[in-house]
């Protein structure tokens, strides 16, 4: 029985680390905070025919406030918006989530 405990713990730990990038609890929370920005950008583009040069241009007409905790970066030249974070334990490394302007969902990639 004593020999099984380390194996069981290792299996449990490995199972916890199998969250896809962006699907750990912290990633889900940040994506939930950032997703309304994608919709606001789409509405802004529909109204003005171009994307804003700053996310602050979305407030207050398209968005009540910019979610600063997420750390969003808008790049009009590449037509991308992105944020990064350190995933929830037990995972390590960094996760980068991006969306093309006009998209409604985030694409996340992990880096060890």
N, C-alpha and C. Protein backbone atom coordinates (compact mmCIF):
# COMPACT_ATOMS: atom_id res chain seq x y z
N UNK A 1 0.81 -1.19 0.00
CA UNK A 1 0.00 0.00 0.00
C UNK A 1 0.86 1.26 0.00
N UNK A 2 1.95 1.25 0.76
CA UNK A 2 2.83 2.42 0.81
C UNK A 2 3.42 2.73 -0.56
N UNK A 3 3.66 1.71 -1.36
CA UNK A 3 4.22 1.93 -2.69
C UNK A 3 3.20 2.54 -3.63
N UNK A 4 1.94 2.29 -3.39
CA UNK A 4 0.89 2.82 -4.26
C UNK A 4 0.64 4.31 -4.03
N UNK A 5 0.88 4.81 -2.83
CA UNK A 5 0.61 6.21 -2.55
C UNK A 5 1.40 7.17 -3.44
N UNK A 6 2.72 7.00 -3.58
CA UNK A 6 3.44 7.91 -4.48
C UNK A 6 2.94 7.81 -5.92
N UNK A 7 2.61 6.62 -6.36
CA UNK A 7 2.11 6.44 -7.73
C UNK A 7 0.75 7.12 -7.88
N UNK A 8 -0.13 6.92 -6.90
CA UNK A 8 -1.45 7.54 -6.96
C UNK A 8 -1.33 9.06 -6.94
N UNK A 9 -0.43 9.58 -6.11
CA UNK A 9 -0.23 11.03 -6.04
C UNK A 9 0.30 11.55 -7.37
N UNK A 10 1.23 10.84 -7.98
CA UNK A 10 1.79 11.25 -9.27
C UNK A 10 0.73 11.27 -10.35
N UNK A 11 -0.13 10.26 -10.35
CA UNK A 11 -1.21 10.20 -11.35
C UNK A 11 -2.18 11.35 -11.13
N UNK A 12 -2.52 11.63 -9.87
CA UNK A 12 -3.42 12.73 -9.57
C UNK A 12 -2.81 14.06 -9.98
N UNK A 13 -1.55 14.27 -9.68
CA UNK A 13 -0.86 15.49 -10.04
C UNK A 13 -0.80 15.66 -11.55
N UNK A 14 -0.51 14.60 -12.26
CA UNK A 14 -0.45 14.66 -13.73
C UNK A 14 -1.82 14.97 -14.31
N UNK A 15 -2.86 14.39 -13.73
CA UNK A 15 -4.22 14.65 -14.22
C UNK A 15 -4.59 16.12 -14.03
N UNK A 16 -4.17 16.72 -12.93
CA UNK A 16 -4.47 18.12 -12.67
C UNK A 16 -3.76 19.04 -13.67
N UNK A 17 -2.62 18.61 -14.16
CA UNK A 17 -1.84 19.44 -15.07
C UNK A 17 -2.27 19.31 -16.53
N UNK A 18 -3.35 18.61 -16.76
CA UNK A 18 -3.76 18.36 -18.14
C UNK A 18 -4.77 19.36 -18.67
N UNK A 19 -4.93 20.49 -18.00
CA UNK A 19 -5.82 21.51 -18.53
C UNK A 19 -5.25 22.03 -19.84
N UNK A 20 -6.05 22.12 -20.86
CA UNK A 20 -5.57 22.77 -22.08
C UNK A 20 -5.27 24.24 -21.77
N UNK A 21 -4.40 24.84 -22.54
CA UNK A 21 -4.04 26.25 -22.34
C UNK A 21 -5.30 27.12 -22.36
N UNK A 22 -5.45 27.93 -21.33
CA UNK A 22 -6.60 28.81 -21.23
C UNK A 22 -7.80 28.21 -20.55
N UNK A 23 -7.75 26.92 -20.23
CA UNK A 23 -8.90 26.25 -19.63
C UNK A 23 -8.74 25.98 -18.14
N UNK A 24 -7.61 26.41 -17.56
CA UNK A 24 -7.45 26.31 -16.12
C UNK A 24 -8.36 27.36 -15.49
N UNK A 25 -8.61 27.28 -14.18
CA UNK A 25 -9.53 28.24 -13.55
C UNK A 25 -9.16 29.70 -13.79
N UNK A 26 -7.89 30.05 -13.70
CA UNK A 26 -7.49 31.44 -13.91
C UNK A 26 -7.72 31.85 -15.36
N UNK A 27 -7.39 30.97 -16.30
CA UNK A 27 -7.60 31.27 -17.72
C UNK A 27 -9.06 31.46 -18.05
N UNK A 28 -9.92 30.62 -17.50
CA UNK A 28 -11.36 30.76 -17.75
C UNK A 28 -11.88 32.09 -17.22
N UNK A 29 -11.41 32.49 -16.04
CA UNK A 29 -11.84 33.75 -15.45
C UNK A 29 -11.37 34.94 -16.30
N UNK A 30 -10.11 34.92 -16.71
CA UNK A 30 -9.59 36.02 -17.53
C UNK A 30 -10.29 36.09 -18.89
N UNK A 31 -10.55 34.94 -19.50
CA UNK A 31 -11.26 34.95 -20.78
C UNK A 31 -12.67 35.49 -20.61
N UNK A 32 -13.33 35.14 -19.49
CA UNK A 32 -14.68 35.65 -19.23
C UNK A 32 -14.67 37.17 -19.09
N UNK A 33 -13.62 37.72 -18.46
CA UNK A 33 -13.51 39.17 -18.32
C UNK A 33 -13.17 39.84 -19.66
N UNK A 34 -12.41 39.15 -20.50
CA UNK A 34 -11.94 39.75 -21.75
C UNK A 34 -12.90 39.57 -22.93
N UNK A 35 -13.75 38.57 -22.89
CA UNK A 35 -14.64 38.29 -24.02
C UNK A 35 -15.58 39.45 -24.36
N UNK A 36 -16.13 40.18 -23.38
CA UNK A 36 -16.97 41.33 -23.75
C UNK A 36 -16.22 42.38 -24.57
N UNK A 37 -14.91 42.44 -24.43
CA UNK A 37 -14.11 43.38 -25.22
C UNK A 37 -14.16 42.99 -26.70
N UNK A 38 -14.15 41.68 -26.98
CA UNK A 38 -14.24 41.23 -28.38
C UNK A 38 -15.55 41.69 -29.00
N UNK A 39 -16.65 41.54 -28.25
CA UNK A 39 -17.96 41.96 -28.76
C UNK A 39 -18.00 43.48 -28.93
N UNK A 40 -17.41 44.22 -27.99
CA UNK A 40 -17.38 45.68 -28.09
C UNK A 40 -16.58 46.13 -29.30
N UNK A 41 -15.46 45.46 -29.58
CA UNK A 41 -14.67 45.79 -30.76
C UNK A 41 -15.46 45.55 -32.04
N UNK A 42 -16.22 44.47 -32.08
CA UNK A 42 -17.04 44.18 -33.27
C UNK A 42 -18.11 45.25 -33.47
N UNK A 43 -18.75 45.69 -32.38
CA UNK A 43 -19.77 46.74 -32.49
C UNK A 43 -19.15 48.08 -32.92
N UNK A 44 -17.99 48.38 -32.37
CA UNK A 44 -17.27 49.60 -32.74
C UNK A 44 -16.96 49.59 -34.25
N UNK A 45 -16.44 48.46 -34.72
CA UNK A 45 -16.09 48.34 -36.14
C UNK A 45 -17.33 48.48 -37.02
N UNK A 46 -18.42 47.87 -36.60
CA UNK A 46 -19.66 47.95 -37.37
C UNK A 46 -20.14 49.41 -37.48
N UNK A 47 -20.00 50.16 -36.40
CA UNK A 47 -20.44 51.55 -36.40
C UNK A 47 -19.49 52.49 -37.15
N UNK A 48 -18.18 52.27 -37.02
CA UNK A 48 -17.21 53.25 -37.52
C UNK A 48 -16.40 52.78 -38.73
N UNK A 49 -16.44 51.48 -39.03
CA UNK A 49 -15.71 50.98 -40.19
C UNK A 49 -14.22 50.79 -39.96
N UNK A 50 -13.78 50.97 -38.75
CA UNK A 50 -12.38 50.76 -38.37
C UNK A 50 -12.32 50.38 -36.90
N UNK A 51 -11.18 49.88 -36.48
CA UNK A 51 -11.00 49.53 -35.07
C UNK A 51 -10.39 50.70 -34.32
N UNK A 52 -10.65 50.79 -33.01
CA UNK A 52 -10.08 51.90 -32.24
C UNK A 52 -8.57 51.77 -32.12
N UNK A 53 -7.91 52.88 -31.87
CA UNK A 53 -6.46 52.83 -31.65
C UNK A 53 -6.16 52.48 -30.20
N UNK A 54 -7.15 52.60 -29.34
CA UNK A 54 -7.00 52.28 -27.93
C UNK A 54 -8.29 51.65 -27.41
N UNK A 55 -8.17 50.75 -26.47
CA UNK A 55 -9.36 50.14 -25.88
C UNK A 55 -10.18 51.16 -25.11
N UNK A 56 -9.57 52.24 -24.68
CA UNK A 56 -10.29 53.28 -23.93
C UNK A 56 -11.35 53.96 -24.80
N UNK A 57 -11.20 53.88 -26.11
CA UNK A 57 -12.20 54.46 -27.02
C UNK A 57 -13.51 53.68 -26.98
N UNK A 58 -13.50 52.49 -26.42
CA UNK A 58 -14.72 51.68 -26.31
C UNK A 58 -15.61 52.12 -25.15
N UNK A 59 -15.02 52.85 -24.20
CA UNK A 59 -15.72 53.24 -22.97
C UNK A 59 -16.32 54.63 -23.16
N UNK A 60 -17.53 54.90 -22.79
CA UNK A 60 -18.54 54.04 -22.18
C UNK A 60 -19.56 53.48 -23.17
N UNK A 61 -19.49 53.91 -24.45
CA UNK A 61 -20.53 53.52 -25.40
C UNK A 61 -20.59 52.01 -25.67
N UNK A 62 -19.44 51.38 -25.81
CA UNK A 62 -19.40 49.96 -26.18
C UNK A 62 -19.05 49.04 -25.01
N UNK A 63 -18.50 49.60 -23.98
CA UNK A 63 -18.00 48.81 -22.85
C UNK A 63 -18.05 49.70 -21.60
N UNK A 64 -18.56 49.19 -20.46
CA UNK A 64 -18.61 50.04 -19.27
C UNK A 64 -17.23 50.43 -18.75
N UNK A 65 -16.26 49.53 -18.88
CA UNK A 65 -14.89 49.79 -18.44
C UNK A 65 -13.97 48.77 -19.10
N UNK A 66 -12.72 49.13 -19.26
CA UNK A 66 -11.72 48.19 -19.77
C UNK A 66 -11.30 47.30 -18.60
N UNK A 67 -11.34 45.97 -18.77
CA UNK A 67 -10.94 45.08 -17.68
C UNK A 67 -9.41 45.07 -17.50
N UNK A 68 -8.92 45.95 -16.63
CA UNK A 68 -7.48 46.12 -16.45
C UNK A 68 -6.79 44.89 -15.89
N UNK A 69 -7.48 44.08 -15.09
CA UNK A 69 -6.86 42.90 -14.48
C UNK A 69 -6.37 41.91 -15.55
N UNK A 70 -6.99 41.95 -16.71
CA UNK A 70 -6.63 41.01 -17.78
C UNK A 70 -5.32 41.41 -18.46
N UNK A 71 -5.03 42.69 -18.55
CA UNK A 71 -3.82 43.15 -19.22
C UNK A 71 -3.89 43.02 -20.73
N UNK A 72 -5.01 43.41 -21.30
CA UNK A 72 -5.20 43.31 -22.75
C UNK A 72 -4.28 44.26 -23.51
N UNK A 73 -3.79 43.77 -24.64
CA UNK A 73 -2.97 44.57 -25.54
C UNK A 73 -3.62 44.54 -26.92
N UNK A 74 -3.93 45.71 -27.44
CA UNK A 74 -4.55 45.84 -28.75
C UNK A 74 -3.49 46.27 -29.75
N UNK A 75 -3.43 45.56 -30.88
CA UNK A 75 -2.50 45.93 -31.94
C UNK A 75 -3.30 46.08 -33.23
N UNK A 76 -3.61 47.31 -33.56
CA UNK A 76 -4.41 47.59 -34.76
C UNK A 76 -3.68 47.21 -36.04
N UNK A 77 -2.36 47.31 -36.05
CA UNK A 77 -1.58 47.00 -37.26
C UNK A 77 -1.71 45.52 -37.64
N UNK A 78 -1.63 44.64 -36.65
CA UNK A 78 -1.75 43.21 -36.93
C UNK A 78 -3.19 42.71 -36.78
N UNK A 79 -4.08 43.63 -36.36
CA UNK A 79 -5.48 43.29 -36.12
C UNK A 79 -5.63 42.15 -35.10
N UNK A 80 -4.86 42.29 -34.01
CA UNK A 80 -4.87 41.28 -32.94
C UNK A 80 -5.09 41.95 -31.59
N UNK A 81 -5.65 41.18 -30.68
CA UNK A 81 -5.75 41.57 -29.28
C UNK A 81 -5.25 40.38 -28.48
N UNK A 82 -4.53 40.64 -27.39
CA UNK A 82 -3.90 39.54 -26.66
C UNK A 82 -3.79 39.85 -25.17
N UNK A 83 -3.64 38.77 -24.40
CA UNK A 83 -3.27 38.88 -22.99
C UNK A 83 -2.50 37.63 -22.62
N UNK A 84 -1.72 37.72 -21.56
CA UNK A 84 -0.95 36.59 -21.08
C UNK A 84 -1.08 36.47 -19.58
N UNK A 85 -0.82 35.26 -19.06
CA UNK A 85 -0.91 35.03 -17.62
C UNK A 85 -0.16 33.77 -17.24
N UNK A 86 0.10 33.62 -15.95
CA UNK A 86 0.68 32.40 -15.40
C UNK A 86 -0.50 31.51 -14.99
N UNK A 87 -0.56 30.26 -15.48
CA UNK A 87 -1.71 29.41 -15.21
C UNK A 87 -1.81 28.98 -13.75
N UNK A 88 -2.98 28.46 -13.41
CA UNK A 88 -3.25 27.96 -12.06
C UNK A 88 -2.36 26.77 -11.74
N UNK A 89 -2.03 26.62 -10.46
CA UNK A 89 -1.27 25.47 -9.98
C UNK A 89 -2.05 24.22 -10.31
N UNK A 90 -1.46 23.14 -10.70
CA UNK A 90 -0.05 22.80 -10.67
C UNK A 90 0.69 23.09 -11.97
N UNK A 91 0.03 23.71 -12.91
CA UNK A 91 0.71 24.01 -14.17
C UNK A 91 1.70 25.14 -13.98
N UNK A 92 2.68 25.18 -14.86
CA UNK A 92 3.68 26.24 -14.78
C UNK A 92 3.84 26.86 -16.16
N UNK A 93 4.73 27.82 -16.25
CA UNK A 93 4.98 28.49 -17.53
C UNK A 93 4.07 29.68 -17.71
N UNK A 94 3.81 30.03 -18.94
CA UNK A 94 2.96 31.16 -19.29
C UNK A 94 1.95 30.71 -20.34
N UNK A 95 0.83 31.37 -20.37
CA UNK A 95 -0.20 31.14 -21.38
C UNK A 95 -0.44 32.46 -22.08
N UNK A 96 -0.48 32.43 -23.40
CA UNK A 96 -0.79 33.61 -24.20
C UNK A 96 -2.11 33.34 -24.93
N UNK A 97 -3.06 34.25 -24.76
CA UNK A 97 -4.35 34.13 -25.44
C UNK A 97 -4.48 35.28 -26.43
N UNK A 98 -4.89 34.95 -27.64
CA UNK A 98 -5.01 35.96 -28.69
C UNK A 98 -6.34 35.80 -29.41
N UNK A 99 -6.75 36.86 -30.06
CA UNK A 99 -7.92 36.83 -30.93
C UNK A 99 -7.68 37.83 -32.05
N UNK A 100 -8.06 37.46 -33.24
CA UNK A 100 -8.03 38.41 -34.35
C UNK A 100 -9.21 39.36 -34.15
N UNK A 101 -9.03 40.62 -34.47
CA UNK A 101 -10.13 41.56 -34.35
C UNK A 101 -11.26 41.08 -35.25
N UNK A 102 -12.44 40.99 -34.67
CA UNK A 102 -13.60 40.44 -35.37
C UNK A 102 -13.96 39.05 -34.87
N UNK A 103 -13.01 38.35 -34.22
CA UNK A 103 -13.29 37.03 -33.64
C UNK A 103 -14.16 37.19 -32.39
N UNK A 104 -14.83 36.12 -32.02
CA UNK A 104 -15.67 36.11 -30.81
C UNK A 104 -15.10 35.22 -29.71
N UNK A 105 -13.99 34.51 -30.00
CA UNK A 105 -13.41 33.60 -29.02
C UNK A 105 -11.89 33.77 -28.99
N UNK A 106 -11.32 33.33 -27.86
CA UNK A 106 -9.89 33.40 -27.65
C UNK A 106 -9.21 32.11 -28.05
N UNK A 107 -8.00 32.20 -28.56
CA UNK A 107 -7.15 31.05 -28.84
C UNK A 107 -5.96 31.17 -27.90
N UNK A 108 -5.74 30.14 -27.09
CA UNK A 108 -4.68 30.19 -26.07
C UNK A 108 -3.63 29.13 -26.33
N UNK A 109 -2.37 29.50 -26.08
CA UNK A 109 -1.22 28.61 -26.25
C UNK A 109 -0.37 28.67 -25.00
N UNK A 110 0.10 27.53 -24.54
CA UNK A 110 0.95 27.49 -23.36
C UNK A 110 2.41 27.42 -23.72
N UNK A 111 3.26 28.02 -22.87
CA UNK A 111 4.71 27.96 -23.01
C UNK A 111 5.28 27.48 -21.67
N UNK A 112 6.06 26.41 -21.71
CA UNK A 112 6.62 25.91 -20.43
C UNK A 112 7.61 26.86 -19.81
